Protein backbone atom coordinates (compact mmCIF):
# COMPACT_ATOMS: atom_id res chain seq x y z
CA UNK A 1 -59.88 7.46 64.32
CA UNK A 2 -60.59 10.31 67.27
CA UNK A 3 -63.76 11.43 65.60
CA UNK A 4 -65.14 7.77 65.64
CA UNK A 5 -63.85 7.46 69.46
CA UNK A 6 -65.44 10.84 70.82
CA UNK A 7 -68.88 9.50 68.71
CA UNK A 8 -69.07 5.96 70.42
CA UNK A 9 -68.06 7.86 73.89
CA UNK A 10 -70.94 9.98 73.40
CA UNK A 11 -73.10 7.73 72.11
CA UNK A 12 -72.43 5.08 75.38
CA UNK A 13 -73.13 8.21 77.53
CA UNK A 14 -76.56 8.30 76.05
CA UNK A 15 -76.49 5.19 76.22
CA UNK A 16 -76.09 4.99 79.93
CA UNK A 17 -77.86 8.31 80.83
CA UNK A 18 -81.18 6.32 78.68
CA UNK A 19 -80.51 3.10 80.95
CA UNK A 20 -80.91 4.92 83.84
CA UNK A 21 -83.18 7.87 82.42
CA UNK A 22 -81.51 10.64 83.28
CA UNK A 23 -84.33 12.99 82.58
CA UNK A 24 -86.83 10.90 85.57
CA UNK A 25 -83.51 11.12 88.01
CA UNK A 26 -83.55 14.99 87.51
CA UNK A 27 -87.22 15.17 88.02
CA UNK A 28 -86.73 13.29 91.07
CA UNK A 29 -84.30 15.16 92.64
CA UNK A 30 -86.17 17.90 91.95
CA UNK A 31 -89.40 16.60 93.72
CA UNK A 32 -87.64 15.49 96.80
CA UNK A 33 -86.11 18.72 97.22
CA UNK A 34 -89.63 20.77 96.60
CA UNK A 35 -91.50 18.47 98.68
CA UNK A 36 -88.77 19.39 101.70
CA UNK A 37 -89.07 23.08 101.23
CA UNK A 38 -92.72 23.23 100.66
CA UNK A 39 -94.46 20.23 102.18
CA UNK A 40 -92.62 18.72 104.67
CA UNK A 41 -90.40 20.59 106.32
CA UNK A 42 -91.67 23.45 109.04
CA UNK A 43 -88.52 25.60 109.24
CA UNK A 44 -89.54 29.19 107.97
CA UNK A 45 -86.48 29.98 105.73
CA UNK A 46 -85.12 27.54 102.36
CA UNK A 47 -81.68 27.66 103.68
CA UNK A 48 -81.95 25.30 106.40
CA UNK A 49 -83.77 23.04 104.34
CA UNK A 50 -80.94 23.27 101.22
CA UNK A 51 -78.16 23.05 103.49
CA UNK A 52 -79.28 19.79 105.23
CA UNK A 53 -77.01 17.34 104.78
CA UNK A 54 -78.57 14.92 105.92
CA UNK A 55 -81.59 15.43 103.36
CA UNK A 56 -78.60 15.48 100.75
CA UNK A 57 -76.94 12.09 101.88
CA UNK A 58 -80.62 11.23 101.34
CA UNK A 59 -81.37 12.62 97.74
CA UNK A 60 -77.98 11.18 96.64
CA UNK A 61 -78.89 7.55 98.55
CA UNK A 62 -82.09 7.70 96.67
CA UNK A 63 -80.85 8.68 93.45
CA UNK A 64 -78.27 6.04 93.47
CA UNK A 65 -80.97 3.39 94.36
CA UNK A 66 -83.41 4.21 91.93
CA UNK A 67 -81.48 4.59 88.91
CA UNK A 68 -79.87 1.08 90.20
CA UNK A 69 -83.24 0.17 89.76
CA UNK A 70 -83.94 1.08 86.47
CA UNK A 71 -80.40 -1.04 85.23
CA UNK A 72 -81.33 -4.03 86.79
CA UNK A 73 -85.07 -3.25 85.11
CA UNK A 74 -83.98 -3.17 81.85
CA UNK A 75 -81.41 -6.20 82.85
CA UNK A 76 -84.42 -8.18 83.27
CA UNK A 77 -86.72 -6.59 80.42
CA UNK A 78 -84.65 -6.95 77.73
CA UNK A 79 -86.37 -9.63 75.54
CA UNK A 80 -89.81 -7.30 76.00
CA UNK A 81 -88.04 -4.47 75.23
CA UNK A 82 -86.80 -5.45 71.75
CA UNK A 83 -90.60 -5.68 71.18
CA UNK A 84 -92.23 -2.95 73.34
CA UNK A 85 -88.70 0.13 72.77
CA UNK A 86 -87.16 -0.88 69.72
CA UNK A 87 -85.35 2.54 69.14
CA UNK A 88 -84.87 3.15 73.27
CA UNK A 89 -83.34 -1.03 73.03
CA UNK A 90 -81.01 0.15 70.53
CA UNK A 91 -79.43 2.85 72.10
CA UNK A 92 -78.70 0.96 75.41
CA UNK A 93 -77.19 -1.86 73.82
CA UNK A 94 -74.53 0.72 73.37
CA UNK A 95 -73.19 -0.24 76.85
CA UNK A 96 -72.49 -3.52 77.85
CA UNK A 97 -74.64 -5.73 80.01
CA UNK A 98 -71.20 -6.59 82.51
CA UNK A 99 -70.35 -2.78 82.39
CA UNK A 100 -74.40 -2.18 83.84
CA UNK A 101 -74.31 -5.01 86.58
CA UNK A 102 -71.08 -3.64 87.95
CA UNK A 103 -72.30 0.17 88.04
CA UNK A 104 -75.97 -1.68 89.22
CA UNK A 105 -73.91 -2.70 92.41
CA UNK A 106 -71.76 -0.04 92.84
CA UNK A 107 -74.94 2.08 92.94
CA UNK A 108 -76.63 0.58 95.29
CA UNK A 109 -73.11 0.04 97.59
CA UNK A 110 -72.91 4.17 97.65
CA UNK A 111 -76.64 4.32 98.25
CA UNK A 112 -76.27 2.09 101.20
CA UNK A 113 -73.28 4.11 102.19
CA UNK A 114 -74.88 7.84 101.93
CA UNK A 115 -77.81 6.12 104.06
CA UNK A 116 -75.52 4.99 106.60
CA UNK A 117 -74.28 8.36 106.60
CA UNK A 118 -77.68 9.43 108.05
CA UNK A 119 -78.62 6.59 110.27
CA UNK A 120 -78.83 2.72 110.89
CA UNK A 121 -82.47 3.33 109.65
CA UNK A 122 -82.29 4.68 106.97
CA UNK A 123 -79.24 2.26 105.78
CA UNK A 124 -81.69 -0.18 106.77
CA UNK A 125 -84.28 1.24 104.14
CA UNK A 126 -81.90 1.74 101.38
CA UNK A 127 -81.07 -2.47 102.34
CA UNK A 128 -84.84 -2.97 101.91
CA UNK A 129 -85.52 -0.48 99.00
CA UNK A 130 -82.73 -2.36 97.00
CA UNK A 131 -84.13 -5.76 97.61
CA UNK A 132 -87.80 -4.46 96.91
CA UNK A 133 -86.71 -3.37 93.42
CA UNK A 134 -84.90 -6.25 92.60
CA UNK A 135 -87.51 -8.98 93.66
CA UNK A 136 -89.76 -6.62 91.81
CA UNK A 137 -88.01 -7.02 88.58
CA UNK A 138 -87.11 -10.33 88.98
CA UNK A 139 -90.42 -12.07 90.17
CA UNK A 140 -93.41 -9.64 91.49
CA UNK A 141 -93.57 -7.98 88.42
CA UNK A 142 -94.68 -11.00 86.45
CA UNK A 143 -97.69 -11.05 89.11
CA UNK A 144 -100.76 -8.81 87.79
CA UNK A 145 -102.26 -7.32 91.27
CA UNK A 146 -98.58 -7.79 93.34
CA UNK A 147 -96.65 -6.34 90.23
CA UNK A 148 -99.09 -3.25 90.21
CA UNK A 149 -99.36 -2.48 93.99
CA UNK A 150 -95.42 -3.32 94.40
CA UNK A 151 -94.63 -0.92 91.52
CA UNK A 152 -96.53 1.74 92.51
CA UNK A 153 -95.47 1.95 96.41
CA UNK A 154 -91.75 1.32 94.93
CA UNK A 155 -92.24 4.58 92.96
CA UNK A 156 -93.64 6.66 95.65
CA UNK A 157 -91.14 5.14 98.40
CA UNK A 158 -88.30 8.30 97.72
CA UNK A 159 -91.01 10.79 99.10
CA UNK A 160 -91.54 8.49 102.54
CA UNK A 161 -87.94 8.39 103.27
CA UNK A 162 -88.22 12.35 102.95
CA UNK A 163 -91.59 13.04 104.79
CA UNK A 164 -90.10 10.61 107.85
CA UNK A 165 -87.10 12.72 108.01
CA UNK A 166 -89.35 15.98 108.79
CA UNK A 167 -91.48 13.57 110.89
CA UNK A 168 -94.78 15.67 109.54
CA UNK A 169 -97.48 13.58 110.61
CA UNK A 170 -99.99 16.08 108.60
CA UNK A 171 -103.38 15.20 107.56
CA UNK A 172 -102.90 16.90 104.42
CA UNK A 173 -99.95 14.99 103.17
CA UNK A 174 -101.46 11.79 103.65
CA UNK A 175 -104.43 13.02 101.31
CA UNK A 176 -101.73 14.13 99.04
CA UNK A 177 -99.89 10.73 99.37
CA UNK A 178 -103.56 9.05 98.54
CA UNK A 179 -103.57 10.93 95.18
CA UNK A 180 -100.08 10.62 94.13
CA UNK A 181 -100.54 6.54 94.78
CA UNK A 182 -103.71 6.83 92.75
CA UNK A 183 -102.33 8.19 89.77
CA UNK A 184 -99.04 6.43 89.78
CA UNK A 185 -101.36 3.46 89.82
CA UNK A 186 -103.29 4.37 86.87
CA UNK A 187 -100.16 5.32 85.35
CA UNK A 188 -98.76 1.74 85.63
CA UNK A 189 -101.60 0.10 84.41
CA UNK A 190 -101.90 2.28 81.56
CA UNK A 191 -97.83 1.68 80.71
CA UNK A 192 -99.20 -2.51 81.20
CA UNK A 193 -101.80 -1.58 78.45
CA UNK A 194 -98.68 0.41 76.34
CA UNK A 195 -96.76 -2.77 76.50
CA UNK A 196 -99.03 -5.75 76.33
CA UNK A 197 -96.86 -7.47 73.19
CA UNK A 198 -93.80 -7.53 75.14
CA UNK A 199 -95.37 -9.01 78.14
CA UNK A 200 -97.47 -11.40 75.92
CA UNK A 201 -94.29 -12.80 73.97
CA UNK A 202 -92.27 -12.81 77.38
CA UNK A 203 -95.00 -14.48 79.46
CA UNK A 204 -95.29 -11.86 81.60
CA UNK A 205 -98.66 -12.20 83.83
CA UNK A 206 -99.32 -8.20 83.60
CA UNK A 207 -102.70 -6.90 84.75
CA UNK A 208 -104.02 -6.50 80.93
CA UNK A 209 -102.86 -10.06 79.51
CA UNK A 210 -104.17 -11.71 83.26
CA UNK A 211 -107.35 -9.61 83.08
CA UNK A 212 -107.89 -8.14 79.32
CA UNK A 213 -107.70 -5.04 78.04
CA UNK A 214 -111.54 -4.26 78.85
CA UNK A 215 -110.74 -4.84 82.77
CA UNK A 216 -107.66 -2.72 82.44
CA UNK A 217 -110.07 0.20 81.45
CA UNK A 218 -112.61 -0.58 83.99
CA UNK A 219 -110.06 -0.79 87.01
CA UNK A 220 -108.54 2.67 85.12
CA UNK A 221 -111.61 4.49 84.83
CA UNK A 222 -112.32 3.21 89.14
CA UNK A 223 -109.20 4.48 89.99
CA UNK A 224 -109.75 7.57 88.24
CA UNK A 225 -113.14 8.58 89.47
CA UNK A 226 -111.27 7.32 93.17
CA UNK A 227 -108.60 10.22 92.92
CA UNK A 228 -111.39 12.70 92.88
CA UNK A 229 -111.67 11.70 96.73
CA UNK A 230 -108.71 13.36 97.39
CA UNK A 231 -109.00 15.88 95.11
CA UNK A 232 -111.94 17.23 96.67
CA UNK A 233 -110.99 16.95 100.25
CA UNK A 234 -107.52 19.37 99.25
CA UNK A 235 -109.68 22.01 98.18
CA UNK A 236 -110.80 22.45 101.91
CA UNK A 237 -107.07 23.16 102.74
CA UNK A 238 -106.70 27.36 102.20
CA UNK A 239 -102.54 26.58 102.41
CA UNK A 240 -102.77 24.35 98.96
CA UNK A 241 -103.42 28.28 97.73
CA UNK A 242 -102.96 28.54 94.25
CA UNK A 243 -102.04 24.76 93.69
CA UNK A 244 -105.75 24.35 93.78
CA UNK A 245 -105.56 24.82 89.59
CA UNK A 246 -103.42 22.16 89.45
CA UNK A 247 -106.01 19.60 90.85
CA UNK A 248 -108.33 21.46 88.71
CA UNK A 249 -106.24 20.80 85.75
CA UNK A 250 -105.44 17.34 87.31
CA UNK A 251 -109.47 16.23 87.68
CA UNK A 252 -109.87 17.45 83.83
CA UNK A 253 -106.97 15.14 82.22
CA UNK A 254 -107.96 12.28 84.40
CA UNK A 255 -111.82 12.63 83.35
CA UNK A 256 -110.45 13.32 79.45
CA UNK A 257 -107.56 10.29 79.71
CA UNK A 258 -110.17 8.14 80.85
CA UNK A 259 -112.93 8.82 78.09
CA UNK A 260 -109.86 8.53 75.56
CA UNK A 261 -108.25 5.06 77.22
CA UNK A 262 -112.07 3.26 76.73
CA UNK A 263 -112.09 4.18 73.07
CA UNK A 264 -108.45 3.04 72.70
CA UNK A 265 -107.48 0.20 70.92
CA UNK A 266 -103.65 0.67 69.80
CA UNK A 267 -100.34 1.03 71.23
CA UNK A 268 -99.85 4.14 70.39
CA UNK A 269 -102.98 5.37 71.92
CA UNK A 270 -101.94 3.90 75.14
CA UNK A 271 -98.39 5.50 74.48
CA UNK A 272 -100.49 8.58 74.43
CA UNK A 273 -102.04 8.71 77.51
CA UNK A 274 -99.16 7.32 79.60
CA UNK A 275 -97.28 9.80 78.40
CA UNK A 276 -100.65 12.77 79.33
CA UNK A 277 -100.29 11.25 82.88
CA UNK A 278 -96.49 11.91 82.89
CA UNK A 279 -96.55 15.44 82.56
CA UNK A 280 -99.62 15.91 84.73
CA UNK A 281 -97.52 14.38 87.38
CA UNK A 282 -94.52 16.29 85.89
CA UNK A 283 -96.41 19.14 86.13
CA UNK A 284 -97.45 18.32 90.01
CA UNK A 285 -94.05 18.40 91.22
CA UNK A 286 -93.53 22.01 90.02
CA UNK A 287 -96.99 23.17 91.38
CA UNK A 288 -95.63 22.84 94.67
CA UNK A 289 -94.40 25.93 94.30
CA UNK A 290 -97.62 27.40 94.33
CA UNK A 291 -98.91 25.50 97.33
CA UNK A 292 -98.94 28.94 99.74
CA UNK A 293 -98.31 32.48 98.36
CA UNK A 294 -97.25 34.12 101.75
CA UNK A 295 -94.74 30.93 102.65
CA UNK A 296 -92.48 31.46 98.90
CA UNK A 297 -92.56 35.01 100.15
CA UNK A 298 -91.40 34.41 103.57
CA UNK A 299 -88.43 31.55 102.55
CA UNK A 300 -87.45 33.30 99.78
CA UNK A 301 -86.98 36.41 101.32
CA UNK A 302 -85.18 35.24 104.51
CA UNK A 303 -82.52 33.32 101.91
CA UNK A 304 -82.10 37.10 100.44
CA UNK A 305 -82.16 38.39 103.66
């Protein structure tokens, strides 16, 4: 009997982690801290960033709000996910809808509270962010262009709050943000292609449903060509150091994914292309460590001293 209870408990834990996409949350935490240390902060040491309590509060607030966003998205997409992700939907069902909604409101309150600890502006930002995620899940995702742009903006906003916190308005950051924006938009379109059956069954007017798979592929190719512009500009900044190899990889990967997507017709092919883009973004997070070799050495040595 106790073994059954333990198994049920662990299933619920895994179910909850699946709903809030625990893996994505961990990547988000790493991405925010690495971006703060190696891009946004002007500090010559890691220590002031790691022990910046306001940064910690912003990361906690972001994590709570993003996790709650996954919950509300899971709530509205339940019917579509039964078609698109039957295994994940089965795992997610171990947690009751009432529990999910309670956790949704709790996480949003915690996110707002930690934002308030930083400033009323941060609290306002997270309030708007919470509303934006809900409005996207409830309404906007059903409209092809608005839904696509909104999903991309909501994904990149966690980095915007760190960017504003450090007030580092350098040109290279904006160019990097443009690159990130374009890749995330491509990933969203790829996800829409992957989930087209569920979207049609649930009357979601996503870009592929509205304009067709061929036109969606044309837009993906166009966006991939556009990503080469910020990549080319970033090569002119010596500070990116060894991260230039990531941008070489990104350019080659995007060209490959573009050709592969153009010839793809099946759901599992779109899923593979989507997963390749997710891995590319993940590599991009950890390649921040190689932006400036001397900067990294100085900061790490400072900590050891």
